[in-house]
Amino acid sequence: MKNNKTTAFLVSFFIILGVAFLAYYYYESKTAPKKSDLPIIGNDQNHHISPFSFTNQDGKTITNADIAGKVVVVEYFFATCKGICPKMNENMAKVYSKFKGNKDVLFLSHTVDPIKDTVAALKAYSLRFDADPAQWMFLTGDKKQLYDMARYSYLISAEDDTAGISIDKDFIHDKHYILVDHLGRVRGFYDGLSDADIQKIEKDIRTLVEEKQVKRSL
């Protein structure tokens, strides 16, 4: 009789233990951040953005060290643009507002016209969007480095302004945002004039923040 009671107790114990384990596993699988399925863009899996040094709207030098470990949204524009830039930055402001104060997310708006877009000009422009220079940086600097970053790091090219003005073939001007993960890898391109793409980049930013959390927890 005693052996039967012991056996029944052990069976009950292991059943309860198994149910508890399955419940815990189910909870973790539903609540733990998942690794994203966003592609890693470039010629190979080793493509990362190059080191850089630019100046933001407060006159502060910004380098790749300042964005290390962050999810970054990148664009190219110029302050005197009357075509696609105003709409692009209005939409960027919408995305920025969703992540304002989130220390894992940064926004970099690079000028393609560094001669006209001085630090003072970029500061005035940034104030239109109530941009915190610690999180949304309007960058100027050496023209060649700005353009090389666009072509070889962010993998975008020149396009004509939608206002119908033909631009110089060496003029980097693109309607896309570039999404860069916390490891400095390009993970997506988004049409800055498309409402659908604005919604998608918001979703993908959150996905990459979760991906970063997965890496941190491993």
Protein backbone atom coordinates (compact mmCIF):
# COMPACT_ATOMS: atom_id res chain seq x y z
CA MET A 1 0.00 0.00 0.00
CA LYS A 2 2.83 2.34 0.94
CA ASN A 3 4.56 1.67 -2.38
CA ASN A 4 1.35 2.45 -4.25
CA LYS A 5 1.01 5.78 -2.42
CA THR A 6 4.63 6.62 -3.19
CA THR A 7 4.18 5.75 -6.83
CA ALA A 8 1.01 7.82 -7.07
CA PHE A 9 2.73 10.75 -5.40
CA LEU A 10 5.69 10.60 -7.79
CA VAL A 11 3.42 10.32 -10.82
CA SER A 12 1.38 13.31 -9.63
CA PHE A 13 4.54 15.27 -8.89
CA PHE A 14 6.00 14.73 -12.33
CA ILE A 15 2.70 15.49 -14.02
CA ILE A 16 2.48 18.80 -12.13
CA LEU A 17 6.15 19.51 -12.90
CA GLY A 18 5.59 18.78 -16.58
CA VAL A 19 2.52 21.01 -16.76
CA ALA A 20 4.43 23.83 -15.02
CA PHE A 21 7.34 23.45 -17.44
CA LEU A 22 5.03 23.52 -20.48
CA ALA A 23 3.22 26.57 -19.12
CA TYR A 24 6.52 28.37 -18.55
CA TYR A 25 7.80 27.44 -22.03
CA TYR A 26 4.56 28.65 -23.62
CA TYR A 27 4.74 31.94 -21.71
CA GLU A 28 8.38 32.52 -22.69
CA SER A 29 7.70 31.68 -26.33
CA LYS A 30 4.90 34.24 -26.43
CA THR A 31 6.61 37.04 -24.50
CA ALA A 32 10.31 36.77 -25.34
CA PRO A 33 11.51 39.06 -28.14
CA LYS A 34 11.99 37.23 -31.42
CA LYS A 35 14.91 37.48 -33.82
CA SER A 36 13.74 39.36 -36.89
CA ASP A 37 13.60 38.02 -40.42
CA LEU A 38 14.59 41.36 -41.97
CA PRO A 39 17.26 40.85 -44.65
CA ILE A 40 20.86 41.95 -44.22
CA ILE A 41 21.50 44.06 -47.30
CA GLY A 42 24.80 44.27 -49.16
CA ASN A 43 27.09 42.23 -51.36
CA ASP A 44 27.69 39.86 -48.46
CA GLN A 45 26.77 39.38 -44.82
CA ASN A 46 29.83 41.41 -43.80
CA HIS A 47 28.64 44.75 -45.20
CA HIS A 48 28.70 47.39 -42.47
CA ILE A 49 28.63 51.17 -42.64
CA SER A 50 32.05 52.79 -42.72
CA PRO A 51 33.54 55.07 -40.05
CA PHE A 52 32.51 58.72 -40.49
CA SER A 53 32.84 62.14 -38.91
CA PHE A 54 30.23 64.85 -39.53
CA THR A 55 28.90 67.91 -37.70
CA ASN A 56 25.37 68.18 -36.34
CA GLN A 57 23.03 71.17 -36.01
CA ASP A 58 24.61 72.12 -32.67
CA GLY A 59 28.12 72.14 -34.10
CA LYS A 60 29.00 68.89 -32.36
CA THR A 61 31.16 66.31 -34.11
CA ILE A 62 29.24 63.08 -34.65
CA THR A 63 31.07 59.86 -35.51
CA ASN A 64 30.18 56.22 -35.95
CA ALA A 65 31.02 55.77 -32.26
CA ASP A 66 27.98 57.91 -31.39
CA ILE A 67 25.60 55.54 -33.16
CA ALA A 68 27.21 52.25 -32.13
CA GLY A 69 24.65 49.89 -30.67
CA LYS A 70 21.70 51.97 -31.92
CA VAL A 71 18.98 51.33 -34.48
CA VAL A 72 19.38 54.19 -36.97
CA VAL A 73 17.10 55.75 -39.59
CA VAL A 74 19.07 57.56 -42.31
CA GLU A 75 18.08 59.98 -45.05
CA TYR A 76 19.66 62.48 -47.46
CA PHE A 77 18.10 65.90 -48.12
CA PHE A 78 18.94 69.60 -48.44
CA ALA A 79 17.35 72.48 -46.58
CA THR A 80 16.50 74.61 -49.63
CA CYS A 81 14.82 71.70 -51.43
CA LYS A 82 11.30 72.55 -52.63
CA GLY A 83 10.52 69.11 -54.03
CA ILE A 84 10.54 65.85 -52.09
CA CYS A 85 12.47 66.96 -48.99
CA PRO A 86 9.70 68.81 -47.12
CA LYS A 87 7.36 65.82 -47.42
CA MET A 88 10.14 63.38 -46.55
CA ASN A 89 10.97 65.28 -43.38
CA GLU A 90 7.32 65.69 -42.42
CA ASN A 91 7.05 61.92 -42.61
CA MET A 92 10.37 61.49 -40.80
CA ALA A 93 8.97 63.68 -38.02
CA LYS A 94 6.00 61.31 -37.73
CA VAL A 95 8.33 58.35 -37.32
CA TYR A 96 10.55 60.30 -34.93
CA SER A 97 7.56 61.19 -32.75
CA LYS A 98 6.84 57.48 -32.21
CA PHE A 99 10.34 56.87 -30.84
CA LYS A 100 11.16 60.22 -29.26
CA GLY A 101 13.06 59.62 -26.03
CA ASN A 102 13.91 56.00 -26.96
CA LYS A 103 17.66 55.75 -26.40
CA ASP A 104 17.93 52.74 -28.71
CA VAL A 105 16.79 54.69 -31.80
CA LEU A 106 18.54 57.54 -33.65
CA PHE A 107 17.74 59.56 -36.80
CA LEU A 108 20.43 60.92 -39.15
CA SER A 109 19.52 63.46 -41.84
CA HIS A 110 22.53 64.14 -44.07
CA THR A 111 22.69 67.21 -46.27
CA VAL A 112 23.70 66.81 -49.90
CA ASP A 113 24.48 70.54 -50.12
CA PRO A 114 27.06 71.20 -47.40
CA ILE A 115 28.06 74.59 -48.81
CA LYS A 116 24.62 76.09 -48.24
CA ASP A 117 23.61 73.84 -45.35
CA THR A 118 25.82 75.32 -42.68
CA VAL A 119 25.47 74.40 -39.02
CA ALA A 120 23.29 77.49 -38.50
CA ALA A 121 21.10 76.63 -41.50
CA LEU A 122 20.61 73.07 -40.29
CA LYS A 123 19.80 74.27 -36.78
CA ALA A 124 17.08 76.55 -38.12
CA TYR A 125 15.76 73.75 -40.31
CA SER A 126 15.73 71.22 -37.46
CA LEU A 127 13.65 73.55 -35.30
CA ARG A 128 10.76 73.16 -37.76
CA PHE A 129 10.44 69.58 -36.55
CA ASP A 130 11.23 70.11 -32.88
CA ALA A 131 14.18 67.75 -33.34
CA ASP A 132 16.21 66.88 -30.26
CA PRO A 133 19.83 67.03 -31.51
CA ALA A 134 20.70 64.14 -29.22
CA GLN A 135 18.34 61.86 -31.16
CA TRP A 136 17.58 63.47 -34.54
CA MET A 137 20.82 64.78 -36.00
CA PHE A 138 21.01 66.98 -39.09
CA LEU A 139 24.52 66.43 -40.43
CA THR A 140 26.88 68.40 -42.62
CA GLY A 141 30.55 67.95 -43.45
CA ASP A 142 32.89 67.10 -46.27
CA LYS A 143 30.92 66.64 -49.49
CA LYS A 144 32.92 63.64 -50.69
CA GLN A 145 32.50 61.81 -47.40
CA LEU A 146 28.78 62.59 -47.33
CA TYR A 147 28.38 61.21 -50.85
CA ASP A 148 30.65 58.21 -50.28
CA MET A 149 28.62 57.27 -47.22
CA ALA A 150 25.44 57.41 -49.31
CA ARG A 151 26.81 55.26 -52.11
CA TYR A 152 29.08 52.79 -50.37
CA SER A 153 27.75 52.53 -46.83
CA TYR A 154 24.01 53.21 -47.13
CA LEU A 155 23.82 51.86 -50.70
CA ILE A 156 21.65 54.59 -52.22
CA SER A 157 22.17 56.57 -55.41
CA ALA A 158 21.19 59.86 -57.04
CA GLU A 159 17.73 60.67 -58.30
CA ASP A 160 16.10 63.74 -59.83
CA ASP A 161 14.08 66.01 -57.60
CA THR A 162 10.35 65.39 -58.03
CA ALA A 163 9.86 69.13 -58.57
CA GLY A 164 11.16 68.47 -62.07
CA ILE A 165 14.49 70.20 -61.58
CA SER A 166 17.34 68.27 -63.17
CA ILE A 167 20.14 67.83 -60.71
CA ASP A 168 23.84 67.27 -61.13
CA LYS A 169 24.71 63.62 -61.77
CA ASP A 170 27.00 63.78 -58.72
CA PHE A 171 24.15 64.99 -56.52
CA ILE A 172 23.03 62.34 -54.03
CA HIS A 173 19.32 62.83 -53.63
CA ASP A 174 17.06 59.92 -52.88
CA LYS A 175 13.54 59.60 -51.54
CA HIS A 176 14.35 56.56 -49.44
CA TYR A 177 15.04 56.14 -45.76
CA ILE A 178 17.67 53.57 -44.86
CA LEU A 179 17.29 51.43 -41.76
CA VAL A 180 20.51 50.36 -40.03
CA ASP A 181 20.66 47.90 -37.16
CA HIS A 182 22.66 48.13 -33.93
CA LEU A 183 25.58 46.32 -35.58
CA GLY A 184 25.84 48.85 -38.41
CA ARG A 185 24.22 46.66 -41.07
CA VAL A 186 21.70 47.93 -43.63
CA ARG A 187 18.37 46.15 -43.09
CA GLY A 188 15.88 47.98 -45.29
CA PHE A 189 14.94 50.79 -47.69
CA TYR A 190 11.65 52.70 -47.40
CA ASP A 191 9.96 55.21 -49.67
CA GLY A 192 9.82 58.40 -47.60
CA LEU A 193 6.78 59.58 -49.57
CA SER A 194 4.72 56.43 -49.07
CA ASP A 195 2.27 56.16 -46.17
CA ALA A 196 2.52 52.36 -46.34
CA ASP A 197 6.30 52.48 -46.07
CA ILE A 198 6.11 54.91 -43.16
CA GLN A 199 4.00 52.38 -41.28
CA LYS A 200 6.36 49.58 -42.28
CA ILE A 201 9.52 51.34 -41.08
CA GLU A 202 7.88 52.04 -37.72
CA LYS A 203 7.15 48.32 -37.40
CA ASP A 204 10.65 47.34 -38.53
CA ILE A 205 12.33 49.75 -36.12
CA ARG A 206 10.50 48.02 -33.28
CA THR A 207 11.54 44.66 -34.69
CA LEU A 208 15.22 45.65 -34.73
CA VAL A 209 15.01 47.03 -31.20
CA GLU A 210 13.65 43.63 -30.15
CA GLU A 211 16.41 41.91 -32.15
CA LYS A 212 18.95 43.95 -30.21
CA GLN A 213 17.33 42.80 -26.95
CA VAL A 214 17.64 39.18 -28.10
CA LYS A 215 21.37 39.69 -28.72
CA ARG A 216 21.76 41.38 -25.34
CA SER A 217 20.06 38.49 -23.53
CA LEU A 218 22.17 35.77 -25.15
